[in-house]
Amino acid sequence: MWGMFVPMIIVVGLFYFLMVVPQRKEQAKRDALIKGLKKNDRVVTIGGMIGHVANISSDGKEITLKFGDNVRIPFRRSAIHEVVGEDLPQTEAKPL
């Protein structure tokens, strides 16, 4: 009977170390990135919009991103995908 459970335990252990542990590391890194946001950071949203952090609400759940000179849009903090440096190439809008 134990001969049947040993392979199942090994498969569950492999699944845990190959799937769950790396996912937890990525989630911890993302949480640290989101908690470390500060004003004037250049960020990319989940939707692909690139802007600068203009304001962070007092409760920390909402941030306002600045796009260009006069456009400010509020976002949930969880909508931030990554913080990018200034080395991201600027694209020019081309007429259709």
PDB file of N, CA and C in Angstrom:
ATOM      1  N   MET A   1       0.819  -1.193   0.000  1.00  0.00           N
ATOM      2  CA  MET A   1       0.000   0.000   0.000  1.00  0.00           C
ATOM      3  C   MET A   1       0.870   1.266   0.000  1.00  0.00           C
ATOM      4  N   TRP A   2       1.971   1.271   0.740  1.00  0.00           N
ATOM      5  CA  TRP A   2       2.850   2.440   0.767  1.00  0.00           C
ATOM      6  C   TRP A   2       3.511   2.654  -0.586  1.00  0.00           C
ATOM      7  N   GLY A   3       3.668   1.603  -1.334  1.00  0.00           N
ATOM      8  CA  GLY A   3       4.267   1.717  -2.661  1.00  0.00           C
ATOM      9  C   GLY A   3       3.450   2.585  -3.603  1.00  0.00           C
ATOM     10  N   MET A   4       2.166   2.711  -3.339  1.00  0.00           N
ATOM     11  CA  MET A   4       1.301   3.538  -4.155  1.00  0.00           C
ATOM     12  C   MET A   4       1.385   5.022  -3.758  1.00  0.00           C
ATOM     13  N   PHE A   5       1.612   5.299  -2.492  1.00  0.00           N
ATOM     14  CA  PHE A   5       1.625   6.682  -2.011  1.00  0.00           C
ATOM     15  C   PHE A   5       2.956   7.388  -2.242  1.00  0.00           C
ATOM     16  N   VAL A   6       4.043   6.672  -2.268  1.00  0.00           N
ATOM     17  CA  VAL A   6       5.364   7.287  -2.437  1.00  0.00           C
ATOM     18  C   VAL A   6       5.464   8.047  -3.763  1.00  0.00           C
ATOM     19  N   PRO A   7       5.090   7.476  -4.905  1.00  0.00           N
ATOM     20  CA  PRO A   7       5.156   8.271  -6.151  1.00  0.00           C
ATOM     21  C   PRO A   7       4.246   9.497  -6.129  1.00  0.00           C
ATOM     22  N   MET A   8       3.075   9.375  -5.510  1.00  0.00           N
ATOM     23  CA  MET A   8       2.174  10.537  -5.432  1.00  0.00           C
ATOM     24  C   MET A   8       2.784  11.637  -4.578  1.00  0.00           C
ATOM     25  N   ILE A   9       3.425  11.274  -3.488  1.00  0.00           N
ATOM     26  CA  ILE A   9       4.069  12.270  -2.620  1.00  0.00           C
ATOM     27  C   ILE A   9       5.211  12.938  -3.367  1.00  0.00           C
ATOM     28  N   ILE A  10       5.962  12.177  -4.138  1.00  0.00           N
ATOM     29  CA  ILE A  10       7.064  12.743  -4.919  1.00  0.00           C
ATOM     30  C   ILE A  10       6.536  13.715  -5.973  1.00  0.00           C
ATOM     31  N   VAL A  11       5.467  13.369  -6.652  1.00  0.00           N
ATOM     32  CA  VAL A  11       4.878  14.250  -7.673  1.00  0.00           C
ATOM     33  C   VAL A  11       4.368  15.539  -7.029  1.00  0.00           C
ATOM     34  N   VAL A  12       3.700  15.434  -5.888  1.00  0.00           N
ATOM     35  CA  VAL A  12       3.207  16.630  -5.199  1.00  0.00           C
ATOM     36  C   VAL A  12       4.375  17.505  -4.760  1.00  0.00           C
ATOM     37  N   GLY A  13       5.441  16.902  -4.267  1.00  0.00           N
ATOM     38  CA  GLY A  13       6.631  17.662  -3.861  1.00  0.00           C
ATOM     39  C   GLY A  13       7.272  18.375  -5.038  1.00  0.00           C
ATOM     40  N   LEU A  14       7.407  17.688  -6.167  1.00  0.00           N
ATOM     41  CA  LEU A  14       7.963  18.322  -7.361  1.00  0.00           C
ATOM     42  C   LEU A  14       7.082  19.467  -7.844  1.00  0.00           C
ATOM     43  N   PHE A  15       5.784  19.247  -7.847  1.00  0.00           N
ATOM     44  CA  PHE A  15       4.857  20.296  -8.251  1.00  0.00           C
ATOM     45  C   PHE A  15       5.030  21.532  -7.372  1.00  0.00           C
ATOM     46  N   TYR A  16       5.146  21.314  -6.076  1.00  0.00           N
ATOM     47  CA  TYR A  16       5.299  22.429  -5.141  1.00  0.00           C
ATOM     48  C   TYR A  16       6.573  23.215  -5.445  1.00  0.00           C
ATOM     49  N   PHE A  17       7.699  22.522  -5.609  1.00  0.00           N
ATOM     50  CA  PHE A  17       8.961  23.223  -5.802  1.00  0.00           C
ATOM     51  C   PHE A  17       9.130  23.797  -7.204  1.00  0.00           C
ATOM     52  N   LEU A  18       8.440  23.237  -8.186  1.00  0.00           N
ATOM     53  CA  LEU A  18       8.568  23.756  -9.543  1.00  0.00           C
ATOM     54  C   LEU A  18       7.527  24.818  -9.889  1.00  0.00           C
ATOM     55  N   MET A  19       6.405  24.841  -9.191  1.00  0.00           N
ATOM     56  CA  MET A  19       5.334  25.774  -9.534  1.00  0.00           C
ATOM     57  C   MET A  19       5.056  26.806  -8.438  1.00  0.00           C
ATOM     58  N   VAL A  20       4.874  26.375  -7.240  1.00  0.00           N
ATOM     59  CA  VAL A  20       4.414  27.257  -6.171  1.00  0.00           C
ATOM     60  C   VAL A  20       5.518  28.180  -5.668  1.00  0.00           C
ATOM     61  N   VAL A  21       6.707  27.658  -5.436  1.00  0.00           N
ATOM     62  CA  VAL A  21       7.795  28.479  -4.887  1.00  0.00           C
ATOM     63  C   VAL A  21       8.179  29.620  -5.827  1.00  0.00           C
ATOM     64  N   PRO A  22       8.393  29.380  -7.134  1.00  0.00           N
ATOM     65  CA  PRO A  22       8.717  30.508  -8.017  1.00  0.00           C
ATOM     66  C   PRO A  22       7.589  31.543  -8.119  1.00  0.00           C
ATOM     67  N   GLN A  23       6.349  31.075  -8.082  1.00  0.00           N
ATOM     68  CA  GLN A  23       5.221  32.005  -8.149  1.00  0.00           C
ATOM     69  C   GLN A  23       5.183  32.890  -6.905  1.00  0.00           C
ATOM     70  N   ARG A  24       5.471  32.340  -5.753  1.00  0.00           N
ATOM     71  CA  ARG A  24       5.513  33.139  -4.521  1.00  0.00           C
ATOM     72  C   ARG A  24       6.626  34.176  -4.571  1.00  0.00           C
ATOM     73  N   LYS A  25       7.775  33.807  -5.135  1.00  0.00           N
ATOM     74  CA  LYS A  25       8.879  34.759  -5.262  1.00  0.00           C
ATOM     75  C   LYS A  25       8.486  35.923  -6.168  1.00  0.00           C
ATOM     76  N   GLU A  26       7.853  35.625  -7.299  1.00  0.00           N
ATOM     77  CA  GLU A  26       7.410  36.677  -8.210  1.00  0.00           C
ATOM     78  C   GLU A  26       6.379  37.581  -7.548  1.00  0.00           C
ATOM     79  N   GLN A  27       5.455  37.008  -6.796  1.00  0.00           N
ATOM     80  CA  GLN A  27       4.430  37.801  -6.119  1.00  0.00           C
ATOM     81  C   GLN A  27       5.057  38.703  -5.064  1.00  0.00           C
ATOM     82  N   ALA A  28       6.042  38.193  -4.337  1.00  0.00           N
ATOM     83  CA  ALA A  28       6.719  39.014  -3.329  1.00  0.00           C
ATOM     84  C   ALA A  28       7.469  40.165  -3.987  1.00  0.00           C
ATOM     85  N   LYS A  29       8.094  39.899  -5.141  1.00  0.00           N
ATOM     86  CA  LYS A  29       8.808  40.958  -5.850  1.00  0.00           C
ATOM     87  C   LYS A  29       7.834  42.021  -6.347  1.00  0.00           C
ATOM     88  N   ARG A  30       6.685  41.605  -6.865  1.00  0.00           N
ATOM     89  CA  ARG A  30       5.672  42.550  -7.354  1.00  0.00           C
ATOM     90  C   ARG A  30       5.105  43.375  -6.212  1.00  0.00           C
ATOM     91  N   ASP A  31       4.838  42.737  -5.073  1.00  0.00           N
ATOM     92  CA  ASP A  31       4.322  43.471  -3.918  1.00  0.00           C
ATOM     93  C   ASP A  31       5.317  44.532  -3.451  1.00  0.00           C
ATOM     94  N   ALA A  32       6.600  44.184  -3.433  1.00  0.00           N
ATOM     95  CA  ALA A  32       7.624  45.146  -3.034  1.00  0.00           C
ATOM     96  C   ALA A  32       7.697  46.297  -4.024  1.00  0.00           C
ATOM     97  N   LEU A  33       7.563  46.003  -5.313  1.00  0.00           N
ATOM     98  CA  LEU A  33       7.587  47.048  -6.334  1.00  0.00           C
ATOM     99  C   LEU A  33       6.420  48.005  -6.162  1.00  0.00           C
ATOM    100  N   ILE A  34       5.237  47.470  -5.933  1.00  0.00           N
ATOM    101  CA  ILE A  34       4.045  48.306  -5.791  1.00  0.00           C
ATOM    102  C   ILE A  34       4.109  49.131  -4.505  1.00  0.00           C
ATOM    103  N   LYS A  35       4.592  48.552  -3.424  1.00  0.00           N
ATOM    104  CA  LYS A  35       4.699  49.296  -2.170  1.00  0.00           C
ATOM    105  C   LYS A  35       5.767  50.377  -2.241  1.00  0.00           C
ATOM    106  N   GLY A  36       6.770  50.181  -3.104  1.00  0.00           N
ATOM    107  CA  GLY A  36       7.874  51.127  -3.205  1.00  0.00           C
ATOM    108  C   GLY A  36       7.657  52.253  -4.193  1.00  0.00           C
ATOM    109  N   LEU A  37       6.456  52.366  -4.756  1.00  0.00           N
ATOM    110  CA  LEU A  37       6.192  53.450  -5.708  1.00  0.00           C
ATOM    111  C   LEU A  37       6.308  54.802  -5.026  1.00  0.00           C
ATOM    112  N   LYS A  38       6.873  55.748  -5.738  1.00  0.00           N
ATOM    113  CA  LYS A  38       6.962  57.109  -5.207  1.00  0.00           C
ATOM    114  C   LYS A  38       6.715  58.091  -6.334  1.00  0.00           C
ATOM    115  N   LYS A  39       6.532  59.333  -5.980  1.00  0.00           N
ATOM    116  CA  LYS A  39       6.225  60.369  -6.953  1.00  0.00           C
ATOM    117  C   LYS A  39       7.337  60.470  -7.990  1.00  0.00           C
ATOM    118  N   ASN A  40       6.946  60.700  -9.230  1.00  0.00           N
ATOM    119  CA  ASN A  40       7.822  60.854 -10.400  1.00  0.00           C
ATOM    120  C   ASN A  40       8.431  59.552 -10.898  1.00  0.00           C
ATOM    121  N   ASP A  41       8.036  58.391 -10.365  1.00  0.00           N
ATOM    122  CA  ASP A  41       8.471  57.123 -10.937  1.00  0.00           C
ATOM    123  C   ASP A  41       7.793  56.941 -12.289  1.00  0.00           C
ATOM    124  N   ARG A  42       8.510  56.416 -13.241  1.00  0.00           N
ATOM    125  CA  ARG A  42       7.944  56.128 -14.558  1.00  0.00           C
ATOM    126  C   ARG A  42       7.450  54.689 -14.530  1.00  0.00           C
ATOM    127  N   VAL A  43       6.178  54.495 -14.833  1.00  0.00           N
ATOM    128  CA  VAL A  43       5.556  53.182 -14.693  1.00  0.00           C
ATOM    129  C   VAL A  43       4.800  52.794 -15.963  1.00  0.00           C
ATOM    130  N   VAL A  44       4.548  51.489 -16.078  1.00  0.00           N
ATOM    131  CA  VAL A  44       3.721  50.935 -17.145  1.00  0.00           C
ATOM    132  C   VAL A  44       2.536  50.261 -16.468  1.00  0.00           C
ATOM    133  N   THR A  45       1.333  50.575 -16.942  1.00  0.00           N
ATOM    134  CA  THR A  45       0.136  49.954 -16.378  1.00  0.00           C
ATOM    135  C   THR A  45      -0.084  48.584 -17.015  1.00  0.00           C
ATOM    136  N   ILE A  46      -1.021  47.840 -16.472  1.00  0.00           N
ATOM    137  CA  ILE A  46      -1.361  46.534 -17.025  1.00  0.00           C
ATOM    138  C   ILE A  46      -1.844  46.679 -18.464  1.00  0.00           C
ATOM    139  N   GLY A  47      -2.497  47.790 -18.772  1.00  0.00           N
ATOM    140  CA  GLY A  47      -2.995  48.044 -20.122  1.00  0.00           C
ATOM    141  C   GLY A  47      -1.933  48.550 -21.087  1.00  0.00           C
ATOM    142  N   GLY A  48      -0.707  48.785 -20.598  1.00  0.00           N
ATOM    143  CA  GLY A  48       0.376  49.215 -21.468  1.00  0.00           C
ATOM    144  C   GLY A  48       0.610  50.708 -21.525  1.00  0.00           C
ATOM    145  N   MET A  49      -0.130  51.491 -20.729  1.00  0.00           N
ATOM    146  CA  MET A  49       0.058  52.942 -20.729  1.00  0.00           C
ATOM    147  C   MET A  49       1.299  53.295 -19.920  1.00  0.00           C
ATOM    148  N   ILE A  50       2.114  54.209 -20.454  1.00  0.00           N
ATOM    149  CA  ILE A  50       3.352  54.619 -19.796  1.00  0.00           C
ATOM    150  C   ILE A  50       3.165  56.040 -19.288  1.00  0.00           C
ATOM    151  N   GLY A  51       3.411  56.249 -17.998  1.00  0.00           N
ATOM    152  CA  GLY A  51       3.256  57.566 -17.415  1.00  0.00           C
ATOM    153  C   GLY A  51       4.105  57.721 -16.173  1.00  0.00           C
ATOM    154  N   HIS A  52       4.020  58.909 -15.583  1.00  0.00           N
ATOM    155  CA  HIS A  52       4.751  59.206 -14.356  1.00  0.00           C
ATOM    156  C   HIS A  52       3.767  59.309 -13.197  1.00  0.00           C
ATOM    157  N   VAL A  53       4.191  58.854 -12.026  1.00  0.00           N
ATOM    158  CA  VAL A  53       3.345  58.955 -10.841  1.00  0.00           C
ATOM    159  C   VAL A  53       3.285  60.425 -10.434  1.00  0.00           C
ATOM    160  N   ALA A  54       2.088  60.984 -10.417  1.00  0.00           N
ATOM    161  CA  ALA A  54       1.905  62.385 -10.057  1.00  0.00           C
ATOM    162  C   ALA A  54       1.466  62.529  -8.603  1.00  0.00           C
ATOM    163  N   ASN A  55       0.680  61.560  -8.116  1.00  0.00           N
ATOM    164  CA  ASN A  55       0.148  61.671  -6.761  1.00  0.00           C
ATOM    165  C   ASN A  55      -0.199  60.274  -6.258  1.00  0.00           C
ATOM    166  N   ILE A  56      -0.045  60.062  -4.966  1.00  0.00           N
ATOM    167  CA  ILE A  56      -0.454  58.818  -4.316  1.00  0.00           C
ATOM    168  C   ILE A  56      -1.452  59.196  -3.240  1.00  0.00           C
ATOM    169  N   SER A  57      -2.618  58.531  -3.252  1.00  0.00           N
ATOM    170  CA  SER A  57      -3.673  58.883  -2.298  1.00  0.00           C
ATOM    171  C   SER A  57      -3.224  58.602  -0.867  1.00  0.00           C
ATOM    172  N   SER A  58      -3.926  59.191   0.091  1.00  0.00           N
ATOM    173  CA  SER A  58      -3.548  59.034   1.497  1.00  0.00           C
ATOM    174  C   SER A  58      -3.703  57.601   1.978  1.00  0.00           C
ATOM    175  N   ASP A  59      -4.686  56.874   1.443  1.00  0.00           N
ATOM    176  CA  ASP A  59      -4.849  55.476   1.848  1.00  0.00           C
ATOM    177  C   ASP A  59      -3.938  54.539   1.059  1.00  0.00           C
ATOM    178  N   GLY A  60      -3.300  55.034   0.010  1.00  0.00           N
ATOM    179  CA  GLY A  60      -2.341  54.258  -0.755  1.00  0.00           C
ATOM    180  C   GLY A  60      -2.939  53.320  -1.768  1.00  0.00           C
ATOM    181  N   LYS A  61      -4.245  53.310  -1.930  1.00  0.00           N
ATOM    182  CA  LYS A  61      -4.877  52.384  -2.859  1.00  0.00           C
ATOM    183  C   LYS A  61      -5.004  52.951  -4.268  1.00  0.00           C
ATOM    184  N   GLU A  62      -4.891  54.244  -4.402  1.00  0.00           N
ATOM    185  CA  GLU A  62      -5.072  54.888  -5.695  1.00  0.00           C
ATOM    186  C   GLU A  62      -3.894  55.803  -5.972  1.00  0.00           C
ATOM    187  N   ILE A  63      -3.446  55.781  -7.226  1.00  0.00           N
ATOM    188  CA  ILE A  63      -2.395  56.706  -7.647  1.00  0.00           C
ATOM    189  C   ILE A  63      -2.886  57.462  -8.876  1.00  0.00           C
ATOM    190  N   THR A  64      -2.345  58.622  -9.079  1.00  0.00           N
ATOM    191  CA  THR A  64      -2.669  59.416 -10.259  1.00  0.00           C
ATOM    192  C   THR A  64      -1.439  59.433 -11.145  1.00  0.00           C
ATOM    193  N   LEU A  65      -1.623  59.021 -12.389  1.00  0.00           N
ATOM    194  CA  LEU A  65      -0.526  59.027 -13.341  1.00  0.00           C
ATOM    195  C   LEU A  65      -0.643  60.221 -14.268  1.00  0.00           C
ATOM    196  N   LYS A  66       0.494  60.774 -14.612  1.00  0.00           N
ATOM    197  CA  LYS A  66       0.563  61.934 -15.497  1.00  0.00           C
ATOM    198  C   LYS A  66       1.065  61.457 -16.855  1.00  0.00           C
ATOM    199  N   PHE A  67       0.288  61.776 -17.890  1.00  0.00           N
ATOM    200  CA  PHE A  67       0.632  61.447 -19.262  1.00  0.00           C
ATOM    201  C   PHE A  67       0.760  62.758 -20.019  1.00  0.00           C
ATOM    202  N   GLY A  68       1.933  63.086 -20.468  1.00  0.00           N
ATOM    203  CA  GLY A  68       2.127  64.348 -21.172  1.00  0.00           C
ATOM    204  C   GLY A  68       2.097  65.514 -20.191  1.00  0.00           C
ATOM    205  N   ASP A  69       1.664  66.683 -20.677  1.00  0.00           N
ATOM    206  CA  ASP A  69       1.680  67.877 -19.845  1.00  0.00           C
ATOM    207  C   ASP A  69       0.399  68.077 -19.046  1.00  0.00           C
ATOM    208  N   ASN A  70      -0.761  67.811 -19.642  1.00  0.00           N
ATOM    209  CA  ASN A  70      -2.020  68.168 -18.989  1.00  0.00           C
ATOM    210  C   ASN A  70      -2.939  66.996 -18.680  1.00  0.00           C
ATOM    211  N   VAL A  71      -2.501  65.783 -18.867  1.00  0.00           N
ATOM    212  CA  VAL A  71      -3.388  64.633 -18.683  1.00  0.00           C
ATOM    213  C   VAL A  71      -3.007  63.884 -17.418  1.00  0.00           C
ATOM    214  N   ARG A  72      -3.957  63.796 -16.489  1.00  0.00           N
ATOM    215  CA  ARG A  72      -3.763  63.047 -15.243  1.00  0.00           C
ATOM    216  C   ARG A  72      -4.941  62.094 -15.086  1.00  0.00           C
ATOM    217  N   ILE A  73      -4.625  60.814 -14.893  1.00  0.00           N
ATOM    218  CA  ILE A  73      -5.663  59.791 -14.791  1.00  0.00           C
ATOM    219  C   ILE A  73      -5.440  58.996 -13.514  1.00  0.00           C
ATOM    220  N   PRO A  74      -6.495  58.808 -12.704  1.00  0.00           N
ATOM    221  CA  PRO A  74      -6.349  57.978 -11.498  1.00  0.00           C
ATOM    222  C   PRO A  74      -6.402  56.488 -11.839  1.00  0.00           C
ATOM    223  N   PHE A  75      -5.586  55.705 -11.161  1.00  0.00           N
ATOM    224  CA  PHE A  75      -5.532  54.257 -11.324  1.00  0.00           C
ATOM    225  C   PHE A  75      -5.486  53.604  -9.947  1.00  0.00           C
ATOM    226  N   ARG A  76      -5.934  52.374  -9.881  1.00  0.00           N
ATOM    227  CA  ARG A  76      -5.714  51.562  -8.689  1.00  0.00           C
ATOM    228  C   ARG A  76      -4.234  51.212  -8.651  1.00  0.00           C
ATOM    229  N   ARG A  77      -3.691  51.120  -7.475  1.00  0.00           N
ATOM    230  CA  ARG A  77      -2.274  50.791  -7.348  1.00  0.00           C
ATOM    231  C   ARG A  77      -1.981  49.417  -7.947  1.00  0.00           C
ATOM    232  N   SER A  78      -2.935  48.515  -7.865  1.00  0.00           N
ATOM    233  CA  SER A  78      -2.737  47.166  -8.393  1.00  0.00           C
ATOM    234  C   SER A  78      -2.690  47.132  -9.916  1.00  0.00           C
ATOM    235  N   ALA A  79      -3.034  48.229 -10.590  1.00  0.00           N
ATOM    236  CA  ALA A  79      -3.004  48.275 -12.046  1.00  0.00           C
ATOM    237  C   ALA A  79      -1.611  48.575 -12.593  1.00  0.00           C
ATOM    238  N   ILE A  80      -0.638  48.770 -11.723  1.00  0.00           N
ATOM    239  CA  ILE A  80       0.726  49.036 -12.163  1.00  0.00           C
ATOM    240  C   ILE A  80       1.412  47.713 -12.458  1.00  0.00           C
ATOM    241  N   HIS A  81       1.975  47.607 -13.652  1.00  0.00           N
ATOM    242  CA  HIS A  81       2.640  46.378 -14.058  1.00  0.00           C
ATOM    243  C   HIS A  81       4.117  46.397 -13.696  1.00  0.00           C
ATOM    244  N   GLU A  82       4.787  47.512 -13.998  1.00  0.00           N
ATOM    245  CA  GLU A  82       6.214  47.593 -13.699  1.00  0.00           C
ATOM    246  C   GLU A  82       6.668  49.041 -13.636  1.00  0.00           C
ATOM    247  N   VAL A  83       7.796  49.241 -12.992  1.00  0.00           N
ATOM    248  CA  VAL A  83       8.457  50.542 -12.961  1.00  0.00           C
ATOM    249  C   VAL A  83       9.578  50.466 -13.980  1.00  0.00           C
ATOM    250  N   VAL A  84       9.633  51.454 -14.862  1.00  0.00           N
ATOM    251  CA  VAL A  84      10.653  51.457 -15.917  1.00  0.00           C
ATOM    252  C   VAL A  84      11.543  52.670 -15.752  1.00  0.00           C
ATOM    253  N   GLY A  85      12.732  52.582 -16.320  1.00  0.00           N
ATOM    254  CA  GLY A  85      13.655  53.697 -16.292  1.00  0.00           C
ATOM    255  C   GLY A  85      13.394  54.630 -17.448  1.00  0.00           C
ATOM    256  N   GLU A  86      14.212  55.632 -17.547  1.00  0.00           N
ATOM    257  CA  GLU A  86      14.058  56.614 -18.626  1.00  0.00           C
ATOM    258  C   GLU A  86      14.606  56.092 -19.947  1.00  0.00           C
ATOM    259  N   ASP A  87      15.180  54.886 -19.969  1.00  0.00           N
ATOM    260  CA  ASP A  87      15.767  54.365 -21.190  1.00  0.00           C
ATOM    261  C   ASP A  87      14.746  53.755 -22.141  1.00  0.00           C
ATOM    262  N   LEU A  88      13.465  53.710 -21.750  1.00  0.00           N
ATOM    263  CA  LEU A  88      12.425  53.200 -22.632  1.00  0.00           C
ATOM    264  C   LEU A  88      12.260  54.166 -23.793  1.00  0.00           C
ATOM    265  N   PRO A  89      12.313  53.692 -25.032  1.00  0.00           N
ATOM    266  CA  PRO A  89      12.263  54.618 -26.170  1.00  0.00           C
ATOM    267  C   PRO A  89      10.929  55.350 -26.270  1.00  0.00           C
ATOM    268  N   GLN A  90      11.005  56.598 -26.609  1.00  0.00           N
ATOM    269  CA  GLN A  90       9.810  57.411 -26.821  1.00  0.00           C
ATOM    270  C   GLN A  90       9.325  57.176 -28.243  1.00  0.00           C
ATOM    271  N   THR A  91       8.047  56.979 -28.413  1.00  0.00           N
ATOM    272  CA  THR A  91       7.502  56.777 -29.751  1.00  0.00           C
ATOM    273  C   THR A  91       6.768  58.040 -30.179  1.00  0.00           C
ATOM    274  N   GLU A  92       6.819  58.305 -31.449  1.00  0.00           N
ATOM    275  CA  GLU A  92       6.132  59.466 -31.983  1.00  0.00           C
ATOM    276  C   GLU A  92       4.815  59.017 -32.594  1.00  0.00           C
ATOM    277  N   ALA A  93       3.786  59.805 -32.404  1.00  0.00           N
ATOM    278  CA  ALA A  93       2.496  59.495 -33.007  1.00  0.00           C
ATOM    279  C   ALA A  93       2.555  59.805 -34.496  1.00  0.00           C
ATOM    280  N   LYS A  94       2.143  58.842 -35.294  1.00  0.00           N
ATOM    281  CA  LYS A  94       2.150  59.038 -36.737  1.00  0.00           C
ATOM    282  C   LYS A  94       0.710  59.151 -37.225  1.00  0.00           C
ATOM    283  N   PRO A  95       0.450  60.072 -38.116  1.00  0.00           N
ATOM    284  CA  PRO A  95      -0.922  60.197 -38.642  1.00  0.00           C
ATOM    285  C   PRO A  95      -1.329  58.958 -39.411  1.00  0.00           C
ATOM    286  N   LEU A  96      -2.609  58.681 -39.372  1.00  0.00           N
ATOM    287  CA  LEU A  96      -3.136  57.493 -40.078  1.00  0.00           C
ATOM    288  C   LEU A  96      -3.291  57.726 -41.543  1.00  0.00           C
TER     289      LEU A  96
END
